[in-house]
Each structure stands twice: as structure tokens, then as C-alpha cells.
């Protein structure tokens, strides 16, 4: 029970990678406040974890809203007595041609991926500093923060920025025993990709390891960076993509 008696917040965790991380943290003893914008997904995900024996509460809401990010931290502290771990997983991917990309779509991506992650990290780190026992923050980046990808200029900007945020906040957080790192997933099979019959064949062909990533691949990497034994790793970005960024062919059918 590696994370016994530790409290975590995981945003964007109604399904996919976020849910996998929340579920695994609970299985290893953590108490998790699970967030998703979709209230039904949020409640169902938290209930699934509780039925599996985990300690989990759901709080639906918009992780791009600064007031709500503070509410998340306050709720975790009030419900579970503190805060030790933060996984800022909530994010928005909006494809679009650069020449036609609309400002409203740009702002949506920036608001959730950057503003939400920045101020949630700020609120969590403030409380961790007050507790005086350290903590760990994990930001969710992407391989497109390292490698150009068609139609994702705005999204890729945010992911590269999050990796720089993790590096820069080493200055502010290290004196308080708080680590901060970023995880950069490659193509990953989640509920969002199930409706695309070409997804697995294409990414299996262009990924050196012969398959796209799974939620379990990401969960193992996330828990490694959050693990107490990894407390000397901070300001780093870990790419988990089966080698794709080393060769980087585009996913053309």
C-alpha cells in the first residue's frame, strides 16, 4: 500500500488515463478526490472505485475555472484531512487548420490546459506548503509537446508550456519538499479511440514497439513519478510512447 494515508486530487478522471491513475492510487491506499466536467461520468467513476474497495469521492466541475480549482483543494482537505498528491490531468484537444483556427477554440484550449493547470497547481502547492510535509504534482503533457503533429498547433503549445512550467516551478516548490514533473503520453487506447477502427492498426504500424500505449502504461509511469521513492526526481518530463517520438511518422491511413 505505497500511498497509504495519502490524499490525491485527479482531474479529468471520469474515464481514460485520469480514471486509471485515480483507480490505481486508491488500490495502493490513497484517498482520491476525483474530478470530471461531466457530472454523470464523475459520479460513476468514483462509485466504481468505491465498489472496488477504494476511498474515493467525486466532485464534478470545470477545471479551467480558478475558483473551482480552489474548491477542489478545499474539498480534498476538508474531506480527507490534507493533500499530498495532485494529478492535473484535465485537458482539451481541439484539432484545426492553423489558417482557419478560431479564437474561441484557441481560448478554450488555453483556459483548460494552461490556466486550469497553473492555478490548480498553485492552490495545491499553497496547501502542501502550509502542511509542511512535502508532496508531489504531476502535470499531463503529450508527445506533441515534443514533436509537430498536423492540426494541433494550439494544443501542442499548451503541452510544451506545461513541461516548462514543471521545470520552472522547481525553483518555487523544492524548498518545501514538493516535486513537480510532467508525463507526456503518446497515442493511447482509451474510450475516446474505441469508435475509430483504424486507430490501433495505424498506431501499431508507426510505433516502434508495435502497438499504441494503454491506460495501464500511463498509470504505471504516473505512479512512478508520484511514488515516495521518486522524491529526488523533479522538473522532468517523461515520454511514454513506445518510441514514436524517436521516429515520428504521422498517423496517415
C-alpha atoms as a PDB file:
ATOM      1  CA  UNK A   1       0.000   0.000   0.000  1.00  0.00           C
ATOM      2  CA  UNK A   2       2.534   2.529  -1.264  1.00  0.00           C
ATOM      3  CA  UNK A   3       0.233   5.540  -0.991  1.00  0.00           C
ATOM      4  CA  UNK A   4      -1.403   4.588   2.300  1.00  0.00           C
ATOM      5  CA  UNK A   5      -2.874   7.602   4.149  1.00  0.00           C
ATOM      6  CA  UNK A   6      -2.053   9.999   1.302  1.00  0.00           C
ATOM      7  CA  UNK A   7      -4.678  12.185  -0.325  1.00  0.00           C
ATOM      8  CA  UNK A   8      -4.744  12.897  -4.044  1.00  0.00           C
ATOM      9  CA  UNK A   9      -6.699  15.061  -6.462  1.00  0.00           C
ATOM     10  CA  UNK A  10      -7.007  13.749 -10.022  1.00  0.00           C
ATOM     11  CA  UNK A  11      -8.780  15.941 -12.576  1.00  0.00           C
ATOM     12  CA  UNK A  12     -10.294  14.798 -15.848  1.00  0.00           C
ATOM     13  CA  UNK A  13     -10.687  11.358 -14.306  1.00  0.00           C
ATOM     14  CA  UNK A  14     -14.133  10.234 -15.400  1.00  0.00           C
ATOM     15  CA  UNK A  15     -12.540   7.828 -17.847  1.00  0.00           C
ATOM     16  CA  UNK A  16      -9.304   7.093 -19.675  1.00  0.00           C
ATOM     17  CA  UNK A  17      -5.877   7.873 -18.254  1.00  0.00           C
ATOM     18  CA  UNK A  18      -7.208  10.011 -15.421  1.00  0.00           C
ATOM     19  CA  UNK A  19      -9.516   7.263 -14.221  1.00  0.00           C
ATOM     20  CA  UNK A  20      -6.722   4.707 -14.445  1.00  0.00           C
ATOM     21  CA  UNK A  21      -4.460   6.852 -12.277  1.00  0.00           C
ATOM     22  CA  UNK A  22      -7.204   7.528  -9.712  1.00  0.00           C
ATOM     23  CA  UNK A  23      -8.130   3.853  -9.542  1.00  0.00           C
ATOM     24  CA  UNK A  24      -4.526   2.709  -9.113  1.00  0.00           C
ATOM     25  CA  UNK A  25      -3.825   5.281  -6.414  1.00  0.00           C
ATOM     26  CA  UNK A  26      -6.843   4.025  -4.479  1.00  0.00           C
ATOM     27  CA  UNK A  27      -5.757   0.425  -4.928  1.00  0.00           C
ATOM     28  CA  UNK A  28      -2.447   1.389  -3.316  1.00  0.00           C
ATOM     29  CA  UNK A  29      -4.059   3.028  -0.322  1.00  0.00           C
ATOM     30  CA  UNK A  30      -4.620   6.652  -1.324  1.00  0.00           C
ATOM     31  CA  UNK A  31      -7.768   8.650  -0.725  1.00  0.00           C
ATOM     32  CA  UNK A  32      -8.733  10.308  -4.005  1.00  0.00           C
ATOM     33  CA  UNK A  33     -10.905  13.269  -4.894  1.00  0.00           C
ATOM     34  CA  UNK A  34     -11.855  12.519  -8.491  1.00  0.00           C
ATOM     35  CA  UNK A  35     -12.911  15.329 -10.813  1.00  0.00           C
ATOM     36  CA  UNK A  36     -14.541  15.460 -14.219  1.00  0.00           C
ATOM     37  CA  UNK A  37     -16.535  18.098 -16.069  1.00  0.00           C
ATOM     38  CA  UNK A  38     -19.249  15.517 -16.788  1.00  0.00           C
ATOM     39  CA  UNK A  39     -21.133  15.008 -13.521  1.00  0.00           C
ATOM     40  CA  UNK A  40     -22.508  11.606 -14.553  1.00  0.00           C
ATOM     41  CA  UNK A  41     -19.067  10.296 -15.542  1.00  0.00           C
ATOM     42  CA  UNK A  42     -17.603  11.755 -12.359  1.00  0.00           C
ATOM     43  CA  UNK A  43     -20.121  10.093 -10.053  1.00  0.00           C
ATOM     44  CA  UNK A  44     -19.987   6.763 -11.874  1.00  0.00           C
ATOM     45  CA  UNK A  45     -16.177   6.694 -11.832  1.00  0.00           C
ATOM     46  CA  UNK A  46     -15.997   7.426  -8.114  1.00  0.00           C
ATOM     47  CA  UNK A  47     -18.608   4.761  -7.413  1.00  0.00           C
ATOM     48  CA  UNK A  48     -16.700   2.162  -9.459  1.00  0.00           C
ATOM     49  CA  UNK A  49     -13.612   2.806  -7.369  1.00  0.00           C
ATOM     50  CA  UNK A  50     -15.566   2.600  -4.113  1.00  0.00           C
ATOM     51  CA  UNK A  51     -17.135  -0.692  -5.184  1.00  0.00           C
ATOM     52  CA  UNK A  52     -13.607  -1.976  -5.736  1.00  0.00           C
ATOM     53  CA  UNK A  53     -12.753  -1.090  -2.136  1.00  0.00           C
ATOM     54  CA  UNK A  54     -11.118   2.281  -2.712  1.00  0.00           C
ATOM     55  CA  UNK A  55     -11.666   5.513  -0.827  1.00  0.00           C
ATOM     56  CA  UNK A  56     -12.846   7.957  -3.462  1.00  0.00           C
ATOM     57  CA  UNK A  57     -15.149  10.954  -3.699  1.00  0.00           C
ATOM     58  CA  UNK A  58     -16.268  12.719  -6.854  1.00  0.00           C
ATOM     59  CA  UNK A  59     -16.531  16.458  -7.444  1.00  0.00           C
ATOM     60  CA  UNK A  60     -17.759  17.480 -10.874  1.00  0.00           C
ATOM     61  CA  UNK A  61     -16.807  20.863 -12.259  1.00  0.00           C
ATOM     62  CA  UNK A  62     -14.792  22.894 -14.730  1.00  0.00           C
ATOM     63  CA  UNK A  63     -11.080  22.564 -14.016  1.00  0.00           C
ATOM     64  CA  UNK A  64     -10.392  25.698 -16.073  1.00  0.00           C
ATOM     65  CA  UNK A  65     -12.262  27.818 -13.522  1.00  0.00           C
ATOM     66  CA  UNK A  66      -9.864  29.274 -10.964  1.00  0.00           C
ATOM     67  CA  UNK A  67     -12.474  29.433  -8.214  1.00  0.00           C
ATOM     68  CA  UNK A  68     -13.339  25.792  -8.801  1.00  0.00           C
ATOM     69  CA  UNK A  69      -9.692  24.694  -8.636  1.00  0.00           C
ATOM     70  CA  UNK A  70      -9.508  26.252  -5.182  1.00  0.00           C
ATOM     71  CA  UNK A  71     -12.722  24.475  -4.251  1.00  0.00           C
ATOM     72  CA  UNK A  72     -11.167  21.170  -5.295  1.00  0.00           C
ATOM     73  CA  UNK A  73      -8.266  21.669  -2.899  1.00  0.00           C
ATOM     74  CA  UNK A  74     -10.520  22.844  -0.089  1.00  0.00           C
ATOM     75  CA  UNK A  75     -12.844  19.862  -0.550  1.00  0.00           C
ATOM     76  CA  UNK A  76      -9.968  17.351  -0.528  1.00  0.00           C
ATOM     77  CA  UNK A  77      -8.597  18.866   2.664  1.00  0.00           C
ATOM     78  CA  UNK A  78     -11.980  19.009   4.407  1.00  0.00           C
ATOM     79  CA  UNK A  79     -12.978  15.505   3.364  1.00  0.00           C
ATOM     80  CA  UNK A  80      -9.687  13.655   3.801  1.00  0.00           C
ATOM     81  CA  UNK A  81      -7.669  15.824   6.157  1.00  0.00           C
ATOM     82  CA  UNK A  82      -4.913  17.039   3.855  1.00  0.00           C
ATOM     83  CA  UNK A  83      -3.420  16.935   0.379  1.00  0.00           C
ATOM     84  CA  UNK A  84      -0.290  15.082  -0.727  1.00  0.00           C
ATOM     85  CA  UNK A  85      -0.644  14.392  -4.457  1.00  0.00           C
ATOM     86  CA  UNK A  86      -2.014  16.306  -7.435  1.00  0.00           C
ATOM     87  CA  UNK A  87      -2.525  14.963 -10.948  1.00  0.00           C
ATOM     88  CA  UNK A  88      -3.614  17.816 -13.239  1.00  0.00           C
ATOM     89  CA  UNK A  89      -4.939  15.574 -15.982  1.00  0.00           C
ATOM     90  CA  UNK A  90      -7.891  17.582 -17.300  1.00  0.00           C
ATOM     91  CA  UNK A  91      -7.230  18.806 -20.828  1.00  0.00           C
ATOM     92  CA  UNK A  92      -8.886  19.658 -24.118  1.00  0.00           C
ATOM     93  CA  UNK A  93      -7.794  18.626 -27.603  1.00  0.00           C
ATOM     94  CA  UNK A  94      -9.278  20.644 -30.476  1.00  0.00           C
ATOM     95  CA  UNK A  95      -7.880  19.853 -33.918  1.00  0.00           C
ATOM     96  CA  UNK A  96      -8.000  22.540 -36.580  1.00  0.00           C
ATOM     97  CA  UNK A  97      -6.199  24.010 -39.564  1.00  0.00           C
ATOM     98  CA  UNK A  98      -3.915  26.853 -38.471  1.00  0.00           C
ATOM     99  CA  UNK A  99      -5.224  29.246 -41.135  1.00  0.00           C
ATOM    100  CA  UNK A 100      -8.818  28.780 -40.021  1.00  0.00           C
ATOM    101  CA  UNK A 101      -8.412  28.249 -36.273  1.00  0.00           C
ATOM    102  CA  UNK A 102     -10.940  30.371 -34.392  1.00  0.00           C
ATOM    103  CA  UNK A 103     -10.097  32.458 -31.344  1.00  0.00           C
ATOM    104  CA  UNK A 104     -12.907  30.914 -29.286  1.00  0.00           C
ATOM    105  CA  UNK A 105     -11.433  27.434 -29.790  1.00  0.00           C
ATOM    106  CA  UNK A 106      -7.948  28.745 -29.003  1.00  0.00           C
ATOM    107  CA  UNK A 107      -9.178  30.257 -25.738  1.00  0.00           C
ATOM    108  CA  UNK A 108     -10.943  27.032 -24.726  1.00  0.00           C
ATOM    109  CA  UNK A 109      -7.742  25.046 -25.124  1.00  0.00           C
ATOM    110  CA  UNK A 110      -5.605  27.638 -23.337  1.00  0.00           C
ATOM    111  CA  UNK A 111      -8.048  28.093 -20.482  1.00  0.00           C
ATOM    112  CA  UNK A 112      -8.265  24.428 -19.524  1.00  0.00           C
ATOM    113  CA  UNK A 113      -4.819  23.160 -20.421  1.00  0.00           C
ATOM    114  CA  UNK A 114      -2.833  26.122 -19.117  1.00  0.00           C
ATOM    115  CA  UNK A 115      -4.847  28.375 -16.830  1.00  0.00           C
ATOM    116  CA  UNK A 116      -6.568  25.479 -15.105  1.00  0.00           C
ATOM    117  CA  UNK A 117      -3.361  23.513 -14.583  1.00  0.00           C
ATOM    118  CA  UNK A 118      -1.434  26.576 -13.403  1.00  0.00           C
ATOM    119  CA  UNK A 119      -3.929  27.713 -10.795  1.00  0.00           C
ATOM    120  CA  UNK A 120      -4.811  24.222  -9.605  1.00  0.00           C
ATOM    121  CA  UNK A 121      -1.109  23.618  -9.029  1.00  0.00           C
ATOM    122  CA  UNK A 122      -0.874  26.952  -7.224  1.00  0.00           C
ATOM    123  CA  UNK A 123      -3.790  26.129  -4.909  1.00  0.00           C
ATOM    124  CA  UNK A 124      -2.482  22.618  -4.179  1.00  0.00           C
ATOM    125  CA  UNK A 125       1.095  23.778  -3.600  1.00  0.00           C
ATOM    126  CA  UNK A 126      -0.049  26.508  -1.221  1.00  0.00           C
ATOM    127  CA  UNK A 127      -1.722  23.909   0.958  1.00  0.00           C
ATOM    128  CA  UNK A 128       1.208  21.495   0.719  1.00  0.00           C
ATOM    129  CA  UNK A 129       3.485  24.318   1.842  1.00  0.00           C
ATOM    130  CA  UNK A 130       1.258  25.011   4.834  1.00  0.00           C
ATOM    131  CA  UNK A 131       1.204  21.307   5.778  1.00  0.00           C
ATOM    132  CA  UNK A 132       4.979  21.214   5.827  1.00  0.00           C
ATOM    133  CA  UNK A 133       5.345  17.577   4.762  1.00  0.00           C
ATOM    134  CA  UNK A 134       6.011  17.986   1.037  1.00  0.00           C
ATOM    135  CA  UNK A 135       4.045  16.460  -1.802  1.00  0.00           C
ATOM    136  CA  UNK A 136       4.062  15.593  -5.493  1.00  0.00           C
ATOM    137  CA  UNK A 137       2.484  17.293  -8.500  1.00  0.00           C
ATOM    138  CA  UNK A 138       2.098  15.666 -11.909  1.00  0.00           C
ATOM    139  CA  UNK A 139       1.182  17.682 -14.998  1.00  0.00           C
ATOM    140  CA  UNK A 140      -0.092  15.897 -18.089  1.00  0.00           C
ATOM    141  CA  UNK A 141       1.766  16.815 -21.249  1.00  0.00           C
ATOM    142  CA  UNK A 142       1.836  14.986 -24.597  1.00  0.00           C
ATOM    143  CA  UNK A 143       4.239  13.794 -27.252  1.00  0.00           C
ATOM    144  CA  UNK A 144       3.023  16.719 -29.370  1.00  0.00           C
ATOM    145  CA  UNK A 145       4.781  18.948 -26.862  1.00  0.00           C
ATOM    146  CA  UNK A 146       7.967  17.444 -28.341  1.00  0.00           C
ATOM    147  CA  UNK A 147       7.071  16.739 -31.958  1.00  0.00           C
ATOM    148  CA  UNK A 148       4.958  18.578 -34.536  1.00  0.00           C
ATOM    149  CA  UNK A 149       1.616  16.994 -35.390  1.00  0.00           C
ATOM    150  CA  UNK A 150      -0.881  18.091 -38.063  1.00  0.00           C
ATOM    151  CA  UNK A 151      -3.770  20.211 -36.825  1.00  0.00           C
ATOM    152  CA  UNK A 152      -2.595  20.556 -33.235  1.00  0.00           C
ATOM    153  CA  UNK A 153      -0.663  23.830 -33.134  1.00  0.00           C
ATOM    154  CA  UNK A 154      -2.668  25.336 -30.259  1.00  0.00           C
ATOM    155  CA  UNK A 155      -2.843  22.115 -28.246  1.00  0.00           C
ATOM    156  CA  UNK A 156       0.865  21.420 -28.757  1.00  0.00           C
ATOM    157  CA  UNK A 157       1.714  24.915 -27.463  1.00  0.00           C
ATOM    158  CA  UNK A 158      -0.022  24.153 -24.193  1.00  0.00           C
ATOM    159  CA  UNK A 159       1.722  20.841 -23.706  1.00  0.00           C
ATOM    160  CA  UNK A 160       5.182  22.283 -24.304  1.00  0.00           C
ATOM    161  CA  UNK A 161       4.283  25.097 -21.909  1.00  0.00           C
ATOM    162  CA  UNK A 162       3.264  22.645 -19.173  1.00  0.00           C
ATOM    163  CA  UNK A 163       6.645  20.941 -19.388  1.00  0.00           C
ATOM    164  CA  UNK A 164       8.342  24.317 -18.976  1.00  0.00           C
ATOM    165  CA  UNK A 165       6.051  25.047 -16.039  1.00  0.00           C
ATOM    166  CA  UNK A 166       7.187  21.833 -14.358  1.00  0.00           C
ATOM    167  CA  UNK A 167      10.806  22.813 -14.876  1.00  0.00           C
ATOM    168  CA  UNK A 168      10.347  26.391 -13.702  1.00  0.00           C
ATOM    169  CA  UNK A 169       8.388  25.535 -10.562  1.00  0.00           C
ATOM    170  CA  UNK A 170      11.310  23.516  -9.246  1.00  0.00           C
ATOM    171  CA  UNK A 171      12.580  26.900  -8.033  1.00  0.00           C
ATOM    172  CA  UNK A 172       9.433  27.597  -6.007  1.00  0.00           C
ATOM    173  CA  UNK A 173       8.440  24.143  -4.811  1.00  0.00           C
ATOM    174  CA  UNK A 174      11.695  22.380  -3.965  1.00  0.00           C
ATOM    175  CA  UNK A 175      12.331  24.341  -0.756  1.00  0.00           C
ATOM    176  CA  UNK A 176       9.041  22.938   0.529  1.00  0.00           C
ATOM    177  CA  UNK A 177       9.769  19.319  -0.384  1.00  0.00           C
ATOM    178  CA  UNK A 178       7.279  19.346  -3.285  1.00  0.00           C
ATOM    179  CA  UNK A 179       8.217  17.619  -6.530  1.00  0.00           C
ATOM    180  CA  UNK A 180       6.687  18.519  -9.870  1.00  0.00           C
ATOM    181  CA  UNK A 181       7.027  16.551 -13.094  1.00  0.00           C
ATOM    182  CA  UNK A 182       5.230  16.089 -16.396  1.00  0.00           C
ATOM    183  CA  UNK A 183       4.083  12.919 -18.137  1.00  0.00           C
ATOM    184  CA  UNK A 184       3.887  13.009 -21.935  1.00  0.00           C
ATOM    185  CA  UNK A 185       1.693  10.201 -23.302  1.00  0.00           C
ATOM    186  CA  UNK A 186       1.848   9.058 -26.879  1.00  0.00           C
ATOM    187  CA  UNK A 187      -1.107   7.565 -28.740  1.00  0.00           C
ATOM    188  CA  UNK A 188      -3.143   5.736 -26.105  1.00  0.00           C
ATOM    189  CA  UNK A 189      -6.129   3.427 -26.357  1.00  0.00           C
ATOM    190  CA  UNK A 190      -8.962   4.930 -24.322  1.00  0.00           C
ATOM    191  CA  UNK A 191     -12.740   5.173 -24.573  1.00  0.00           C
ATOM    192  CA  UNK A 192     -12.270   8.078 -26.993  1.00  0.00           C
ATOM    193  CA  UNK A 193     -10.478   5.895 -29.551  1.00  0.00           C
ATOM    194  CA  UNK A 194     -12.826   2.892 -29.463  1.00  0.00           C
ATOM    195  CA  UNK A 195     -15.053   4.300 -32.214  1.00  0.00           C
ATOM    196  CA  UNK A 196     -12.142   4.579 -34.653  1.00  0.00           C
ATOM    197  CA  UNK A 197     -11.436   1.153 -36.202  1.00  0.00           C
ATOM    198  CA  UNK A 198      -8.248   2.497 -37.815  1.00  0.00           C
ATOM    199  CA  UNK A 199      -6.672   3.760 -34.586  1.00  0.00           C
ATOM    200  CA  UNK A 200      -4.980   0.605 -33.347  1.00  0.00           C
ATOM    201  CA  UNK A 201      -3.821  -0.632 -36.791  1.00  0.00           C
ATOM    202  CA  UNK A 202      -2.331   2.749 -37.740  1.00  0.00           C
ATOM    203  CA  UNK A 203      -0.572   3.389 -34.456  1.00  0.00           C
ATOM    204  CA  UNK A 204       0.614  -0.212 -34.251  1.00  0.00           C
ATOM    205  CA  UNK A 205       2.257   0.228 -37.631  1.00  0.00           C
ATOM    206  CA  UNK A 206       4.042   3.506 -36.871  1.00  0.00           C
ATOM    207  CA  UNK A 207       5.003   2.852 -33.231  1.00  0.00           C
ATOM    208  CA  UNK A 208       8.393   1.114 -32.905  1.00  0.00           C
ATOM    209  CA  UNK A 209       7.131  -1.117 -30.065  1.00  0.00           C
ATOM    210  CA  UNK A 210       4.349  -2.351 -32.351  1.00  0.00           C
ATOM    211  CA  UNK A 211       1.267  -1.052 -30.538  1.00  0.00           C
ATOM    212  CA  UNK A 212      -0.233   2.146 -29.149  1.00  0.00           C
ATOM    213  CA  UNK A 213       0.032   2.743 -25.434  1.00  0.00           C
ATOM    214  CA  UNK A 214      -2.568   1.539 -22.971  1.00  0.00           C
ATOM    215  CA  UNK A 215      -4.027   3.274 -19.940  1.00  0.00           C
ATOM    216  CA  UNK A 216      -2.012   0.860 -17.805  1.00  0.00           C
ATOM    217  CA  UNK A 217       1.226   2.048 -19.442  1.00  0.00           C
ATOM    218  CA  UNK A 218       0.394   5.608 -18.428  1.00  0.00           C
ATOM    219  CA  UNK A 219      -0.770   4.642 -14.964  1.00  0.00           C
ATOM    220  CA  UNK A 220       2.467   2.815 -14.177  1.00  0.00           C
ATOM    221  CA  UNK A 221       4.507   5.822 -15.303  1.00  0.00           C
ATOM    222  CA  UNK A 222       2.356   8.274 -13.341  1.00  0.00           C
ATOM    223  CA  UNK A 223       2.609   6.314 -10.116  1.00  0.00           C
ATOM    224  CA  UNK A 224       6.374   6.029 -10.594  1.00  0.00           C
ATOM    225  CA  UNK A 225       6.678   9.826 -10.679  1.00  0.00           C
ATOM    226  CA  UNK A 226       4.333  10.217  -7.698  1.00  0.00           C
ATOM    227  CA  UNK A 227       5.996   7.448  -5.683  1.00  0.00           C
ATOM    228  CA  UNK A 228       7.797   8.359  -2.439  1.00  0.00           C
ATOM    229  CA  UNK A 229      10.928   6.672  -3.785  1.00  0.00           C
ATOM    230  CA  UNK A 230      10.979   9.161  -6.688  1.00  0.00           C
ATOM    231  CA  UNK A 231      11.213  12.240  -4.471  1.00  0.00           C
ATOM    232  CA  UNK A 232      14.588  13.225  -5.966  1.00  0.00           C
ATOM    233  CA  UNK A 233      13.079  13.397  -9.469  1.00  0.00           C
ATOM    234  CA  UNK A 234      11.648  16.845 -10.146  1.00  0.00           C
ATOM    235  CA  UNK A 235      11.342  19.254 -13.051  1.00  0.00           C
ATOM    236  CA  UNK A 236      11.402  16.366 -15.522  1.00  0.00           C
ATOM    237  CA  UNK A 237       9.214  15.263 -18.433  1.00  0.00           C
ATOM    238  CA  UNK A 238       8.757  11.550 -19.062  1.00  0.00           C
ATOM    239  CA  UNK A 239       7.677  10.496 -22.564  1.00  0.00           C
ATOM    240  CA  UNK A 240       5.747   7.208 -22.738  1.00  0.00           C
ATOM    241  CA  UNK A 241       5.065   6.482 -26.389  1.00  0.00           C
ATOM    242  CA  UNK A 242       6.613   3.151 -27.425  1.00  0.00           C
ATOM    243  CA  UNK A 243       9.385   5.040 -29.199  1.00  0.00           C
ATOM    244  CA  UNK A 244       7.178   7.109 -31.509  1.00  0.00           C
ATOM    245  CA  UNK A 245       8.903  10.443 -30.908  1.00  0.00           C
ATOM    246  CA  UNK A 246      12.208   8.868 -31.967  1.00  0.00           C
ATOM    247  CA  UNK A 247      10.896   8.301 -35.494  1.00  0.00           C
ATOM    248  CA  UNK A 248       7.681  10.388 -35.565  1.00  0.00           C
ATOM    249  CA  UNK A 249       5.818   9.278 -38.705  1.00  0.00           C
ATOM    250  CA  UNK A 250       2.387  10.946 -38.929  1.00  0.00           C
ATOM    251  CA  UNK A 251      -0.712   8.764 -38.469  1.00  0.00           C
ATOM    252  CA  UNK A 252      -1.807   8.546 -42.101  1.00  0.00           C
ATOM    253  CA  UNK A 253      -4.349   5.868 -43.013  1.00  0.00           C
END
